[in-house]
Amino acid sequence: MNYRGIIFDMDGTLVDSFHAIHGSLTEAMQRVGLAPWDLEKTKQHVGRGIGYLVESAVGATKKEEAVKIFRQDYGETCLARTFLLPSVSETLPLLRASGLRLAVATNKALAFTERILAHLEIDRYFECVLGPEAVARPKPHPDMIDTILARLELTKRACLYVGDMPLDVETASRAGLDCLLVATGPYAYPTLQREVSVPVLEAFAEIPQYLQME
């Protein structure tokens, strides 16, 4: 396959951040007087940004207060609670060594994203990392993808988008990119196979083989 670049989603694709997000959401919900969600419910609401997640959990009237609580707690705890997903640290250098240009497009705030990528020692593999602050509209709108393509001087046909959930398929479709999912997020492999029409891999380590690199 003749791709020149790959744009990755962050949560559930590169990193396991669900416990970190759930812990901060639990703190926010409890402090505004609500019973917290269980982890699985939190996972199902991750992907569209902090505002969407928190409002889904506490409602519009308590959103502003809860977002402040979430951000403060997440800033203090995210590094200790966030981990690389299996085979990510081994696979990224293979992709870079093959000449692919790598980027990250995430609805997570850029300040958190940059800290996490640096802490997990994978920031050096990415030429461009964008969060929602950089564009007018977050994913699944294509603004972030279009900005990355322009910065890396890549055409849509030359770039692959890799994510972990149906939202990523919508993002890639709106942007006009091919999409590949890895079943490392909240959706199991059989579920993704049923729900999406794009290729699905069981593990991040399968990406080089999918790209016919080996």
Protein backbone atom coordinates (compact mmCIF):
# COMPACT_ATOMS: atom_id res chain seq x y z
CA MET A 1 0.00 0.00 0.00
CA ASN A 2 1.42 3.32 -1.06
CA TYR A 3 0.62 5.56 1.89
CA ARG A 4 3.11 8.26 2.78
CA GLY A 5 1.61 9.13 6.15
CA ILE A 6 -0.59 7.91 8.99
CA ILE A 7 -2.77 10.01 11.27
CA PHE A 8 -3.54 8.29 14.57
CA ASP A 9 -6.31 8.80 17.04
CA MET A 10 -5.02 8.92 20.63
CA ASP A 11 -7.24 7.36 23.32
CA GLY A 12 -7.85 3.67 22.72
CA THR A 13 -5.51 3.65 19.72
CA LEU A 14 -2.11 4.64 21.09
CA VAL A 15 -2.77 4.81 24.83
CA ASP A 16 -4.99 3.23 27.45
CA SER A 17 -6.35 6.33 29.12
CA PHE A 18 -9.73 5.01 30.16
CA HIS A 19 -8.90 4.57 33.84
CA ALA A 20 -7.46 8.08 33.95
CA ILE A 21 -10.52 9.59 32.29
CA HIS A 22 -12.89 7.53 34.42
CA GLY A 23 -11.12 8.51 37.63
CA SER A 24 -11.40 12.22 36.87
CA LEU A 25 -14.99 11.90 35.69
CA THR A 26 -15.85 10.04 38.91
CA GLU A 27 -14.30 12.87 40.93
CA ALA A 28 -16.27 15.47 39.01
CA MET A 29 -19.59 13.64 39.25
CA GLN A 30 -19.27 13.02 42.96
CA ARG A 31 -18.32 16.62 43.71
CA VAL A 32 -21.38 17.96 41.89
CA GLY A 33 -23.59 15.52 43.79
CA LEU A 34 -24.12 12.73 41.29
CA ALA A 35 -23.50 9.00 41.46
CA PRO A 36 -20.57 8.12 39.20
CA TRP A 37 -20.77 5.97 36.10
CA ASP A 38 -19.11 2.60 35.89
CA LEU A 39 -15.99 2.29 33.75
CA GLU A 40 -17.74 0.68 30.79
CA LYS A 41 -20.22 3.54 30.50
CA THR A 42 -17.39 6.05 30.61
CA LYS A 43 -15.60 4.19 27.81
CA GLN A 44 -18.66 4.43 25.59
CA HIS A 45 -18.63 8.25 25.87
CA VAL A 46 -14.91 8.83 25.25
CA GLY A 47 -13.81 10.24 21.92
CA ARG A 48 -15.69 13.50 21.45
CA GLY A 49 -13.78 15.62 23.94
CA ILE A 50 -14.03 16.61 27.59
CA GLY A 51 -17.03 18.87 27.13
CA TYR A 52 -19.15 16.17 25.51
CA LEU A 53 -18.10 13.55 28.07
CA VAL A 54 -18.78 15.70 31.11
CA GLU A 55 -22.07 17.12 29.84
CA SER A 56 -23.26 13.60 29.04
CA ALA A 57 -22.51 12.65 32.63
CA VAL A 58 -23.74 15.66 34.62
CA GLY A 59 -26.04 17.61 32.30
CA ALA A 60 -25.79 21.12 30.90
CA THR A 61 -26.47 23.01 34.14
CA LYS A 62 -23.59 21.39 36.04
CA LYS A 63 -21.25 21.09 33.07
CA GLU A 64 -19.09 24.19 33.70
CA GLU A 65 -18.35 23.33 37.32
CA ALA A 66 -17.75 19.66 36.52
CA VAL A 67 -15.40 20.44 33.62
CA LYS A 68 -13.23 22.55 35.93
CA ILE A 69 -13.08 19.73 38.46
CA PHE A 70 -12.32 17.19 35.76
CA ARG A 71 -9.51 19.26 34.25
CA GLN A 72 -7.85 19.87 37.60
CA ASP A 73 -8.02 16.23 38.66
CA TYR A 74 -6.96 14.95 35.23
CA GLY A 75 -4.01 17.29 35.15
CA GLU A 76 -2.84 15.92 38.49
CA THR A 77 -3.44 12.22 37.80
CA CYS A 78 -3.36 11.49 34.05
CA LEU A 79 0.32 10.57 33.81
CA ALA A 80 0.12 7.99 36.58
CA ARG A 81 -3.05 6.43 35.15
CA THR A 82 -2.28 6.39 31.40
CA PHE A 83 -0.29 3.63 29.70
CA LEU A 84 0.86 2.68 26.23
CA LEU A 85 -1.27 0.05 24.57
CA PRO A 86 0.46 -3.24 23.72
CA SER A 87 3.02 -3.15 20.88
CA VAL A 88 2.71 0.60 20.27
CA SER A 89 6.28 1.35 21.42
CA GLU A 90 7.67 -1.41 19.18
CA THR A 91 5.56 -0.61 16.12
CA LEU A 92 5.89 3.18 15.85
CA PRO A 93 9.65 3.08 15.16
CA LEU A 94 9.07 0.48 12.45
CA LEU A 95 6.56 2.73 10.77
CA ARG A 96 8.86 5.75 10.99
CA ALA A 97 11.84 3.74 9.73
CA SER A 98 9.83 2.78 6.66
CA GLY A 99 9.58 6.46 5.76
CA LEU A 100 6.00 7.07 6.87
CA ARG A 101 5.19 10.48 8.32
CA LEU A 102 3.17 10.11 11.51
CA ALA A 103 0.73 12.48 13.21
CA VAL A 104 -1.86 12.51 15.99
CA ALA A 105 -5.35 14.02 15.80
CA THR A 106 -7.20 13.90 19.11
CA ASN A 107 -10.15 15.55 20.79
CA LYS A 108 -8.17 15.48 24.04
CA ALA A 109 -6.85 18.89 25.07
CA LEU A 110 -3.42 19.46 23.52
CA ALA A 111 -1.75 20.28 26.85
CA PHE A 112 -2.73 16.87 28.23
CA THR A 113 -1.87 15.12 24.97
CA GLU A 114 1.64 16.54 24.74
CA ARG A 115 2.40 15.71 28.38
CA ILE A 116 1.21 12.13 27.96
CA LEU A 117 3.07 11.49 24.71
CA ALA A 118 6.29 12.87 26.22
CA HIS A 119 5.83 10.93 29.47
CA LEU A 120 5.34 7.69 27.53
CA GLU A 121 8.34 8.54 25.33
CA ILE A 122 6.62 8.30 21.97
CA ASP A 123 6.34 12.02 21.15
CA ARG A 124 9.46 11.88 18.99
CA TYR A 125 7.73 9.71 16.38
CA PHE A 126 5.12 12.32 15.46
CA GLU A 127 5.74 15.28 13.18
CA CYS A 128 2.40 16.89 13.99
CA VAL A 129 0.11 16.60 17.03
CA LEU A 130 -3.20 18.47 17.02
CA GLY A 131 -5.91 18.88 19.64
CA PRO A 132 -9.31 20.56 19.43
CA GLU A 133 -7.90 24.01 20.21
CA ALA A 134 -6.20 24.14 16.81
CA VAL A 135 -9.37 24.05 14.71
CA ALA A 136 -12.89 25.41 14.61
CA ARG A 137 -14.58 22.02 14.96
CA PRO A 138 -13.37 18.81 16.67
CA LYS A 139 -13.58 15.33 15.22
CA PRO A 140 -15.58 13.87 13.54
CA HIS A 141 -15.43 17.12 11.54
CA PRO A 142 -12.48 16.96 9.13
CA ASP A 143 -10.88 20.26 10.18
CA MET A 144 -8.11 18.63 12.20
CA ILE A 145 -7.31 16.11 9.48
CA ASP A 146 -7.24 18.79 6.79
CA THR A 147 -4.85 20.89 8.89
CA ILE A 148 -2.46 17.98 9.40
CA LEU A 149 -2.49 17.12 5.69
CA ALA A 150 -1.64 20.72 4.85
CA ARG A 151 1.20 20.89 7.38
CA LEU A 152 2.73 17.60 6.23
CA GLU A 153 2.04 18.40 2.56
CA LEU A 154 0.23 15.10 2.05
CA THR A 155 -2.69 14.35 -0.23
CA LYS A 156 -5.74 12.56 1.08
CA ARG A 157 -4.97 9.49 -1.02
CA ALA A 158 -1.48 9.31 0.48
CA CYS A 159 -2.62 9.23 4.10
CA LEU A 160 -4.26 6.58 6.27
CA TYR A 161 -6.30 7.32 9.38
CA VAL A 162 -6.01 4.80 12.24
CA GLY A 163 -8.48 4.72 15.13
CA ASP A 164 -10.34 2.34 17.40
CA MET A 165 -14.05 3.11 17.17
CA PRO A 166 -16.87 3.90 14.72
CA LEU A 167 -16.39 7.63 15.41
CA ASP A 168 -12.99 7.32 13.75
CA VAL A 169 -14.57 5.80 10.66
CA GLU A 170 -16.89 8.80 10.46
CA THR A 171 -13.93 11.15 10.90
CA ALA A 172 -11.95 9.51 8.11
CA SER A 173 -14.96 9.36 5.81
CA ARG A 174 -15.70 13.06 6.21
CA ALA A 175 -12.05 13.87 5.56
CA GLY A 176 -11.83 11.60 2.51
CA LEU A 177 -9.14 9.31 3.96
CA ASP A 178 -8.86 5.55 4.03
CA CYS A 179 -9.46 4.22 7.53
CA LEU A 180 -8.15 1.31 9.57
CA LEU A 181 -9.37 0.35 13.04
CA VAL A 182 -7.52 -1.50 15.77
CA ALA A 183 -9.67 -3.28 18.34
CA THR A 184 -7.76 -1.86 21.31
CA GLY A 185 -10.36 0.60 22.59
CA PRO A 186 -13.86 0.16 24.05
CA TYR A 187 -15.17 -1.97 21.19
CA ALA A 188 -14.31 -5.66 20.89
CA TYR A 189 -12.99 -7.03 17.61
CA PRO A 190 -16.20 -8.93 16.68
CA THR A 191 -18.30 -5.83 17.45
CA LEU A 192 -16.22 -3.62 15.19
CA GLN A 193 -16.32 -6.21 12.43
CA ARG A 194 -20.11 -6.10 12.58
CA GLU A 195 -20.49 -2.33 12.89
CA VAL A 196 -18.01 -0.89 10.39
CA SER A 197 -17.12 -1.52 6.77
CA VAL A 198 -13.41 -0.67 7.04
CA PRO A 199 -10.60 -3.14 7.85
CA VAL A 200 -10.23 -4.03 11.55
CA LEU A 201 -7.09 -5.43 13.17
CA GLU A 202 -6.95 -7.16 16.52
CA ALA A 203 -3.63 -5.60 17.56
CA PHE A 204 -1.53 -2.51 16.84
CA ALA A 205 1.40 -4.77 15.96
CA GLU A 206 -0.49 -5.96 12.86
CA ILE A 207 -0.30 -2.56 11.17
CA PRO A 208 3.05 -3.13 9.36
CA GLN A 209 1.79 -6.41 7.93
CA TYR A 210 -1.45 -4.75 6.87
CA LEU A 211 0.61 -2.12 5.06
CA GLN A 212 2.61 -4.94 3.42
CA MET A 213 5.79 -3.72 5.05
CA GLU A 214 6.86 -7.23 5.96
